[in-house]
Amino acid sequence: MGWPRNSSSHFNPAKPYDPQIVTGTVTIPLNVDDSFWISGRIAKRANNQWKENYFVTNRFPMGFCSAVRSNVPEAYSKLFKPKSMTGLCSIAKGSYSMDHEPVRYSLANFPTLPYGTFFMRLKGQQLVKGVPGNEFELDAEFDTWPRP
């Protein structure tokens, strides 16, 4: 995937239920579907150091495209504008943009993380007829706040 150039609004404690406003572009250099597996690790910041493997997912039971579609459905639908949110999942190569789009990052199938700073590393690789192919890695640092 190309380097994403994204920005989102900051969390406003006075309006905890307002969605974040997202502006940016993601470039995907090849067609992506469920032939990619994905796994992730989250580290938590505590006592001025990273606690590795705070939350680990080893290979989602579905492919990359379906995992993104089912776990962050609102962000997926606003960024990739699919024809359907069911059935075969694929993302065509190209650049995808959002311009001041309100997005609620609700992770449908994940436990609620406690207050804190986290570092997430997602890794994936394409498998075609059992043969390894293209690889990717996505790293992100983020903060969480409890809702009232």
N, C-alpha and C. Protein backbone atom coordinates (compact mmCIF):
# COMPACT_ATOMS: atom_id res chain seq x y z
N MET A 1 0.84 -1.17 0.00
CA MET A 1 0.00 0.00 0.00
C MET A 1 0.89 1.23 0.00
N GLY A 2 0.40 2.28 -0.59
CA GLY A 2 1.15 3.52 -0.60
C GLY A 2 1.10 4.19 0.76
N TRP A 3 1.96 5.17 0.96
CA TRP A 3 1.96 5.89 2.23
C TRP A 3 0.67 6.66 2.36
N PRO A 4 -0.12 6.35 3.40
CA PRO A 4 -1.36 7.11 3.58
C PRO A 4 -1.05 8.51 4.07
N ARG A 5 -1.78 9.46 3.56
CA ARG A 5 -1.66 10.85 4.00
C ARG A 5 -3.01 11.22 4.57
N ASN A 6 -3.15 10.98 5.87
CA ASN A 6 -4.45 11.18 6.50
C ASN A 6 -4.33 12.09 7.71
N SER A 7 -5.38 12.78 7.99
CA SER A 7 -5.47 13.54 9.23
C SER A 7 -6.89 13.40 9.75
N SER A 8 -7.02 13.39 11.05
CA SER A 8 -8.35 13.31 11.64
C SER A 8 -8.44 14.32 12.76
N SER A 9 -9.67 14.71 13.05
CA SER A 9 -9.89 15.70 14.09
C SER A 9 -9.51 15.10 15.45
N HIS A 10 -9.22 15.97 16.38
CA HIS A 10 -8.87 15.53 17.73
C HIS A 10 -10.12 15.21 18.52
N PHE A 11 -9.98 14.33 19.48
CA PHE A 11 -11.09 13.98 20.36
C PHE A 11 -11.45 15.19 21.20
N ASN A 12 -12.75 15.49 21.27
CA ASN A 12 -13.24 16.61 22.07
C ASN A 12 -14.02 16.04 23.26
N PRO A 13 -13.46 16.13 24.48
CA PRO A 13 -14.15 15.56 25.65
C PRO A 13 -15.52 16.18 25.90
N ALA A 14 -15.74 17.41 25.41
CA ALA A 14 -17.04 18.06 25.59
C ALA A 14 -18.09 17.44 24.67
N LYS A 15 -17.65 16.79 23.58
CA LYS A 15 -18.56 16.14 22.63
C LYS A 15 -18.07 14.71 22.37
N PRO A 16 -18.18 13.82 23.37
CA PRO A 16 -17.56 12.50 23.25
C PRO A 16 -18.20 11.59 22.20
N TYR A 17 -19.41 11.87 21.76
CA TYR A 17 -20.07 10.99 20.80
C TYR A 17 -20.00 11.51 19.36
N ASP A 18 -19.35 12.64 19.15
CA ASP A 18 -19.19 13.15 17.79
C ASP A 18 -18.18 12.29 17.03
N PRO A 19 -18.46 11.99 15.77
CA PRO A 19 -17.47 11.22 14.99
C PRO A 19 -16.25 12.07 14.67
N GLN A 20 -15.13 11.42 14.36
CA GLN A 20 -13.95 12.15 13.93
C GLN A 20 -14.13 12.55 12.48
N ILE A 21 -13.58 13.70 12.13
CA ILE A 21 -13.61 14.18 10.75
C ILE A 21 -12.29 13.79 10.11
N VAL A 22 -12.36 13.02 9.02
CA VAL A 22 -11.17 12.46 8.39
C VAL A 22 -10.99 13.04 6.99
N THR A 23 -9.75 13.42 6.71
CA THR A 23 -9.36 13.90 5.39
C THR A 23 -8.07 13.18 5.01
N GLY A 24 -8.00 12.64 3.80
CA GLY A 24 -6.77 12.00 3.38
C GLY A 24 -6.94 11.09 2.20
N THR A 25 -5.82 10.49 1.81
CA THR A 25 -5.76 9.61 0.65
C THR A 25 -4.97 8.36 0.99
N VAL A 26 -5.44 7.23 0.52
CA VAL A 26 -4.72 5.96 0.63
C VAL A 26 -4.55 5.43 -0.78
N THR A 27 -3.32 5.08 -1.15
CA THR A 27 -3.05 4.51 -2.47
C THR A 27 -2.75 3.03 -2.32
N ILE A 28 -3.48 2.21 -3.05
CA ILE A 28 -3.28 0.76 -3.02
C ILE A 28 -2.74 0.36 -4.39
N PRO A 29 -1.48 -0.14 -4.45
CA PRO A 29 -0.84 -0.39 -5.74
C PRO A 29 -1.24 -1.69 -6.45
N LEU A 30 -2.06 -2.53 -5.79
CA LEU A 30 -2.47 -3.77 -6.44
C LEU A 30 -3.87 -4.14 -5.95
N ASN A 31 -4.53 -5.00 -6.70
CA ASN A 31 -5.87 -5.43 -6.30
C ASN A 31 -5.76 -6.26 -5.02
N VAL A 32 -6.65 -5.97 -4.07
CA VAL A 32 -6.64 -6.64 -2.77
C VAL A 32 -7.95 -7.39 -2.61
N ASP A 33 -7.84 -8.64 -2.15
CA ASP A 33 -9.04 -9.45 -1.90
C ASP A 33 -8.78 -10.33 -0.69
N ASP A 34 -9.53 -11.40 -0.58
CA ASP A 34 -9.38 -12.28 0.58
C ASP A 34 -8.28 -13.31 0.42
N SER A 35 -7.44 -13.20 -0.62
CA SER A 35 -6.30 -14.10 -0.75
C SER A 35 -5.15 -13.62 0.15
N PHE A 36 -5.29 -12.48 0.82
CA PHE A 36 -4.31 -11.97 1.77
C PHE A 36 -4.71 -12.41 3.18
N TRP A 37 -3.79 -12.98 3.94
CA TRP A 37 -4.04 -13.23 5.36
C TRP A 37 -3.54 -12.01 6.12
N ILE A 38 -4.01 -11.86 7.35
CA ILE A 38 -3.62 -10.71 8.16
C ILE A 38 -3.53 -11.13 9.62
N SER A 39 -2.54 -10.59 10.32
CA SER A 39 -2.43 -10.79 11.76
C SER A 39 -1.97 -9.47 12.37
N GLY A 40 -2.20 -9.31 13.65
CA GLY A 40 -1.86 -8.04 14.28
C GLY A 40 -1.37 -8.19 15.70
N ARG A 41 -0.58 -7.22 16.12
CA ARG A 41 -0.08 -7.15 17.50
C ARG A 41 -0.24 -5.72 17.98
N ILE A 42 -0.67 -5.58 19.22
CA ILE A 42 -0.81 -4.25 19.82
C ILE A 42 0.04 -4.20 21.07
N ALA A 43 0.85 -3.16 21.19
CA ALA A 43 1.66 -2.90 22.38
C ALA A 43 1.02 -1.73 23.13
N LYS A 44 1.14 -1.74 24.45
CA LYS A 44 0.57 -0.67 25.29
C LYS A 44 1.70 0.08 25.98
N ARG A 45 1.57 1.40 26.02
CA ARG A 45 2.57 2.24 26.67
C ARG A 45 2.25 2.31 28.16
N ALA A 46 3.22 1.93 29.00
CA ALA A 46 3.05 2.00 30.45
C ALA A 46 4.42 2.15 31.10
N ASN A 47 4.51 2.99 32.12
CA ASN A 47 5.76 3.22 32.85
C ASN A 47 6.92 3.58 31.92
N ASN A 48 6.64 4.45 30.95
CA ASN A 48 7.65 4.94 30.00
C ASN A 48 8.28 3.86 29.15
N GLN A 49 7.56 2.78 28.90
CA GLN A 49 8.06 1.76 27.99
C GLN A 49 6.89 1.04 27.35
N TRP A 50 7.17 0.36 26.23
CA TRP A 50 6.14 -0.38 25.52
C TRP A 50 6.03 -1.78 26.09
N LYS A 51 4.81 -2.20 26.42
CA LYS A 51 4.54 -3.56 26.84
C LYS A 51 4.10 -4.33 25.59
N GLU A 52 5.02 -5.10 25.04
CA GLU A 52 4.77 -5.80 23.79
C GLU A 52 3.69 -6.87 23.97
N ASN A 53 3.04 -7.20 22.87
CA ASN A 53 2.05 -8.30 22.84
C ASN A 53 0.92 -8.12 23.84
N TYR A 54 0.49 -6.87 24.04
CA TYR A 54 -0.64 -6.59 24.92
C TYR A 54 -1.91 -7.25 24.38
N PHE A 55 -2.06 -7.20 23.06
CA PHE A 55 -3.20 -7.82 22.40
C PHE A 55 -2.70 -8.41 21.09
N VAL A 56 -2.93 -9.70 20.87
CA VAL A 56 -2.38 -10.38 19.69
C VAL A 56 -3.51 -11.10 18.95
N THR A 57 -3.53 -10.94 17.64
CA THR A 57 -4.43 -11.73 16.79
C THR A 57 -3.56 -12.44 15.76
N ASN A 58 -3.62 -13.75 15.77
CA ASN A 58 -2.87 -14.55 14.80
C ASN A 58 -3.80 -14.97 13.69
N ARG A 59 -3.55 -14.45 12.52
CA ARG A 59 -4.33 -14.79 11.32
C ARG A 59 -5.82 -14.79 11.55
N PHE A 60 -6.44 -13.73 11.11
CA PHE A 60 -7.88 -13.63 11.17
C PHE A 60 -8.48 -14.83 10.43
N PRO A 61 -9.64 -15.32 10.86
CA PRO A 61 -10.22 -16.50 10.20
C PRO A 61 -10.73 -16.21 8.79
N MET A 62 -10.74 -14.95 8.40
CA MET A 62 -11.16 -14.59 7.04
C MET A 62 -10.02 -13.81 6.39
N GLY A 63 -10.12 -13.54 5.11
CA GLY A 63 -9.08 -12.80 4.42
C GLY A 63 -9.07 -11.33 4.79
N PHE A 64 -8.04 -10.61 4.32
CA PHE A 64 -7.83 -9.20 4.67
C PHE A 64 -9.04 -8.33 4.34
N CYS A 65 -9.53 -8.43 3.13
CA CYS A 65 -10.62 -7.55 2.70
C CYS A 65 -11.87 -7.75 3.56
N SER A 66 -12.27 -8.99 3.77
CA SER A 66 -13.45 -9.27 4.60
C SER A 66 -13.22 -8.89 6.06
N ALA A 67 -11.99 -9.04 6.56
CA ALA A 67 -11.68 -8.66 7.94
C ALA A 67 -11.85 -7.16 8.13
N VAL A 68 -11.35 -6.36 7.20
CA VAL A 68 -11.51 -4.90 7.29
C VAL A 68 -12.98 -4.53 7.17
N ARG A 69 -13.67 -5.12 6.20
CA ARG A 69 -15.08 -4.81 5.97
C ARG A 69 -15.94 -5.14 7.18
N SER A 70 -15.69 -6.24 7.86
CA SER A 70 -16.53 -6.64 8.98
C SER A 70 -16.13 -5.98 10.30
N ASN A 71 -14.87 -5.55 10.45
CA ASN A 71 -14.43 -4.98 11.72
C ASN A 71 -14.49 -3.46 11.79
N VAL A 72 -14.31 -2.78 10.68
CA VAL A 72 -14.46 -1.31 10.65
C VAL A 72 -15.36 -0.94 9.48
N PRO A 73 -16.64 -1.32 9.54
CA PRO A 73 -17.53 -1.18 8.39
C PRO A 73 -17.76 0.26 7.93
N GLU A 74 -17.88 1.19 8.86
CA GLU A 74 -18.15 2.57 8.45
C GLU A 74 -16.96 3.18 7.72
N ALA A 75 -15.76 2.98 8.24
CA ALA A 75 -14.56 3.51 7.57
C ALA A 75 -14.37 2.84 6.22
N TYR A 76 -14.59 1.52 6.15
CA TYR A 76 -14.46 0.78 4.89
C TYR A 76 -15.43 1.33 3.84
N SER A 77 -16.69 1.50 4.22
CA SER A 77 -17.69 1.93 3.23
C SER A 77 -17.46 3.36 2.78
N LYS A 78 -16.99 4.23 3.66
CA LYS A 78 -16.76 5.63 3.26
C LYS A 78 -15.48 5.79 2.44
N LEU A 79 -14.46 4.97 2.71
CA LEU A 79 -13.21 5.09 1.96
C LEU A 79 -13.28 4.39 0.62
N PHE A 80 -13.75 3.15 0.59
CA PHE A 80 -13.71 2.37 -0.65
C PHE A 80 -15.01 2.38 -1.45
N LYS A 81 -16.09 2.86 -0.87
CA LYS A 81 -17.39 2.97 -1.54
C LYS A 81 -17.74 1.70 -2.32
N PRO A 82 -17.86 0.56 -1.62
CA PRO A 82 -18.15 -0.69 -2.32
C PRO A 82 -19.59 -0.73 -2.84
N LYS A 83 -19.82 -1.56 -3.84
CA LYS A 83 -21.18 -1.73 -4.36
C LYS A 83 -22.04 -2.50 -3.37
N SER A 84 -21.40 -3.39 -2.59
CA SER A 84 -22.14 -4.20 -1.62
C SER A 84 -21.26 -4.44 -0.40
N MET A 85 -21.89 -4.55 0.77
CA MET A 85 -21.16 -4.86 2.00
C MET A 85 -21.26 -6.35 2.33
N THR A 86 -21.76 -7.15 1.38
CA THR A 86 -21.84 -8.60 1.58
C THR A 86 -21.27 -9.28 0.34
N GLY A 87 -21.07 -10.58 0.43
CA GLY A 87 -20.57 -11.33 -0.72
C GLY A 87 -19.07 -11.24 -0.86
N LEU A 88 -18.57 -11.49 -2.07
CA LEU A 88 -17.14 -11.43 -2.33
C LEU A 88 -16.60 -10.04 -2.05
N CYS A 89 -15.43 -10.00 -1.45
CA CYS A 89 -14.83 -8.72 -1.07
C CYS A 89 -13.56 -8.49 -1.88
N SER A 90 -13.47 -7.34 -2.51
CA SER A 90 -12.25 -6.97 -3.23
C SER A 90 -12.14 -5.46 -3.28
N ILE A 91 -10.90 -4.99 -3.31
CA ILE A 91 -10.61 -3.56 -3.42
C ILE A 91 -9.70 -3.41 -4.64
N ALA A 92 -10.15 -2.64 -5.63
CA ALA A 92 -9.35 -2.43 -6.84
C ALA A 92 -8.18 -1.50 -6.55
N LYS A 93 -7.07 -1.72 -7.24
CA LYS A 93 -5.92 -0.84 -7.04
C LYS A 93 -6.30 0.58 -7.44
N GLY A 94 -5.66 1.55 -6.80
CA GLY A 94 -5.95 2.95 -7.09
C GLY A 94 -5.81 3.80 -5.84
N SER A 95 -6.18 5.06 -5.97
CA SER A 95 -6.14 6.00 -4.85
C SER A 95 -7.55 6.24 -4.35
N TYR A 96 -7.72 6.24 -3.05
CA TYR A 96 -9.01 6.44 -2.42
C TYR A 96 -8.90 7.61 -1.46
N SER A 97 -9.87 8.51 -1.52
CA SER A 97 -9.80 9.73 -0.72
C SER A 97 -11.05 9.94 0.11
N MET A 98 -10.86 10.62 1.21
CA MET A 98 -11.97 11.13 2.02
C MET A 98 -11.69 12.60 2.26
N ASP A 99 -12.72 13.41 2.14
CA ASP A 99 -12.56 14.85 2.35
C ASP A 99 -13.58 15.32 3.38
N HIS A 100 -13.09 15.54 4.59
CA HIS A 100 -13.93 15.99 5.71
C HIS A 100 -15.12 15.05 5.94
N GLU A 101 -14.85 13.74 5.92
CA GLU A 101 -15.89 12.73 6.14
C GLU A 101 -15.99 12.43 7.64
N PRO A 102 -17.20 12.44 8.20
CA PRO A 102 -17.35 12.01 9.59
C PRO A 102 -17.29 10.48 9.67
N VAL A 103 -16.41 9.96 10.52
CA VAL A 103 -16.24 8.50 10.64
C VAL A 103 -16.23 8.12 12.12
N ARG A 104 -17.01 7.11 12.44
CA ARG A 104 -17.00 6.52 13.78
C ARG A 104 -16.17 5.25 13.71
N TYR A 105 -15.08 5.25 14.46
CA TYR A 105 -14.21 4.06 14.48
C TYR A 105 -14.72 3.10 15.54
N SER A 106 -15.73 2.35 15.21
CA SER A 106 -16.22 1.34 16.13
C SER A 106 -15.71 0.00 15.62
N LEU A 107 -14.96 -0.69 16.44
CA LEU A 107 -14.40 -1.98 16.05
C LEU A 107 -15.38 -3.05 16.48
N ALA A 108 -16.12 -3.54 15.52
CA ALA A 108 -17.27 -4.40 15.78
C ALA A 108 -16.93 -5.69 16.53
N ASN A 109 -15.79 -6.30 16.27
CA ASN A 109 -15.49 -7.61 16.83
C ASN A 109 -14.30 -7.61 17.79
N PHE A 110 -13.97 -6.45 18.37
CA PHE A 110 -12.84 -6.35 19.26
C PHE A 110 -13.29 -5.88 20.64
N PRO A 111 -12.58 -6.31 21.68
CA PRO A 111 -12.91 -5.81 23.01
C PRO A 111 -12.55 -4.33 23.11
N THR A 112 -13.20 -3.63 24.02
CA THR A 112 -12.91 -2.22 24.23
C THR A 112 -11.56 -2.11 24.94
N LEU A 113 -10.67 -1.31 24.38
CA LEU A 113 -9.36 -1.12 25.00
C LEU A 113 -9.47 -0.08 26.11
N PRO A 114 -8.70 -0.23 27.18
CA PRO A 114 -8.74 0.77 28.25
C PRO A 114 -8.04 2.06 27.82
N TYR A 115 -8.17 3.10 28.63
CA TYR A 115 -7.50 4.37 28.38
C TYR A 115 -6.01 4.12 28.21
N GLY A 116 -5.39 4.77 27.24
CA GLY A 116 -3.95 4.64 27.10
C GLY A 116 -3.45 4.93 25.70
N THR A 117 -2.15 4.74 25.53
CA THR A 117 -1.46 4.91 24.26
C THR A 117 -1.05 3.52 23.78
N PHE A 118 -1.31 3.26 22.50
CA PHE A 118 -1.07 1.94 21.94
C PHE A 118 -0.30 2.06 20.62
N PHE A 119 0.41 0.98 20.26
CA PHE A 119 1.10 0.89 18.98
C PHE A 119 0.62 -0.40 18.32
N MET A 120 0.09 -0.29 17.11
CA MET A 120 -0.46 -1.44 16.40
C MET A 120 0.40 -1.75 15.18
N ARG A 121 0.69 -3.03 14.98
CA ARG A 121 1.40 -3.48 13.78
C ARG A 121 0.59 -4.60 13.15
N LEU A 122 0.08 -4.33 11.94
CA LEU A 122 -0.65 -5.34 11.17
C LEU A 122 0.27 -5.84 10.06
N LYS A 123 0.33 -7.14 9.89
CA LYS A 123 1.12 -7.74 8.83
C LYS A 123 0.23 -8.66 8.01
N GLY A 124 0.51 -8.74 6.75
CA GLY A 124 -0.25 -9.62 5.88
C GLY A 124 0.56 -10.06 4.69
N GLN A 125 0.09 -11.12 4.06
CA GLN A 125 0.75 -11.64 2.88
C GLN A 125 -0.28 -12.33 2.01
N GLN A 126 -0.08 -12.23 0.71
CA GLN A 126 -0.98 -12.87 -0.23
C GLN A 126 -0.55 -14.32 -0.44
N LEU A 127 -1.54 -15.22 -0.40
CA LEU A 127 -1.29 -16.62 -0.70
C LEU A 127 -2.15 -17.01 -1.90
N VAL A 128 -1.52 -17.41 -2.98
CA VAL A 128 -2.22 -17.84 -4.17
C VAL A 128 -1.86 -19.30 -4.41
N LYS A 129 -2.84 -20.19 -4.24
CA LYS A 129 -2.64 -21.64 -4.36
C LYS A 129 -1.50 -22.11 -3.47
N GLY A 130 -1.44 -21.54 -2.24
CA GLY A 130 -0.42 -21.94 -1.27
C GLY A 130 0.94 -21.33 -1.47
N VAL A 131 1.12 -20.50 -2.50
CA VAL A 131 2.41 -19.89 -2.79
C VAL A 131 2.42 -18.46 -2.25
N PRO A 132 3.40 -18.11 -1.35
CA PRO A 132 3.45 -16.74 -0.81
C PRO A 132 3.72 -15.72 -1.91
N GLY A 133 3.07 -14.56 -1.76
CA GLY A 133 3.24 -13.49 -2.74
C GLY A 133 3.50 -12.17 -2.07
N ASN A 134 2.76 -11.14 -2.48
CA ASN A 134 2.95 -9.79 -1.97
C ASN A 134 2.76 -9.73 -0.45
N GLU A 135 3.57 -8.88 0.21
CA GLU A 135 3.48 -8.67 1.65
C GLU A 135 3.17 -7.22 1.94
N PHE A 136 2.60 -6.96 3.12
CA PHE A 136 2.41 -5.58 3.55
C PHE A 136 2.52 -5.50 5.06
N GLU A 137 2.77 -4.29 5.55
CA GLU A 137 2.80 -4.01 6.99
C GLU A 137 2.23 -2.62 7.21
N LEU A 138 1.38 -2.50 8.20
CA LEU A 138 0.78 -1.21 8.54
C LEU A 138 1.03 -0.96 10.02
N ASP A 139 1.70 0.14 10.34
CA ASP A 139 2.00 0.51 11.72
C ASP A 139 1.25 1.79 12.07
N ALA A 140 0.72 1.84 13.28
CA ALA A 140 0.00 3.04 13.72
C ALA A 140 0.10 3.18 15.23
N GLU A 141 0.25 4.39 15.70
CA GLU A 141 0.21 4.68 17.12
C GLU A 141 -1.07 5.45 17.38
N PHE A 142 -1.78 5.11 18.46
CA PHE A 142 -3.06 5.76 18.73
C PHE A 142 -3.34 5.81 20.22
N ASP A 143 -4.25 6.69 20.60
CA ASP A 143 -4.68 6.85 21.98
C ASP A 143 -6.14 6.46 22.09
N THR A 144 -6.54 5.96 23.26
CA THR A 144 -7.94 5.65 23.50
C THR A 144 -8.40 6.40 24.74
N TRP A 145 -9.67 6.80 24.73
CA TRP A 145 -10.31 7.46 25.86
C TRP A 145 -11.61 6.75 26.14
N PRO A 146 -11.93 6.55 27.42
CA PRO A 146 -13.22 5.94 27.72
C PRO A 146 -14.35 6.92 27.46
N ARG A 147 -15.47 6.42 26.97
CA ARG A 147 -16.65 7.27 26.78
C ARG A 147 -17.43 7.36 28.08
N PRO A 148 -18.10 8.48 28.31
CA PRO A 148 -18.85 8.61 29.57
C PRO A 148 -20.03 7.65 29.63
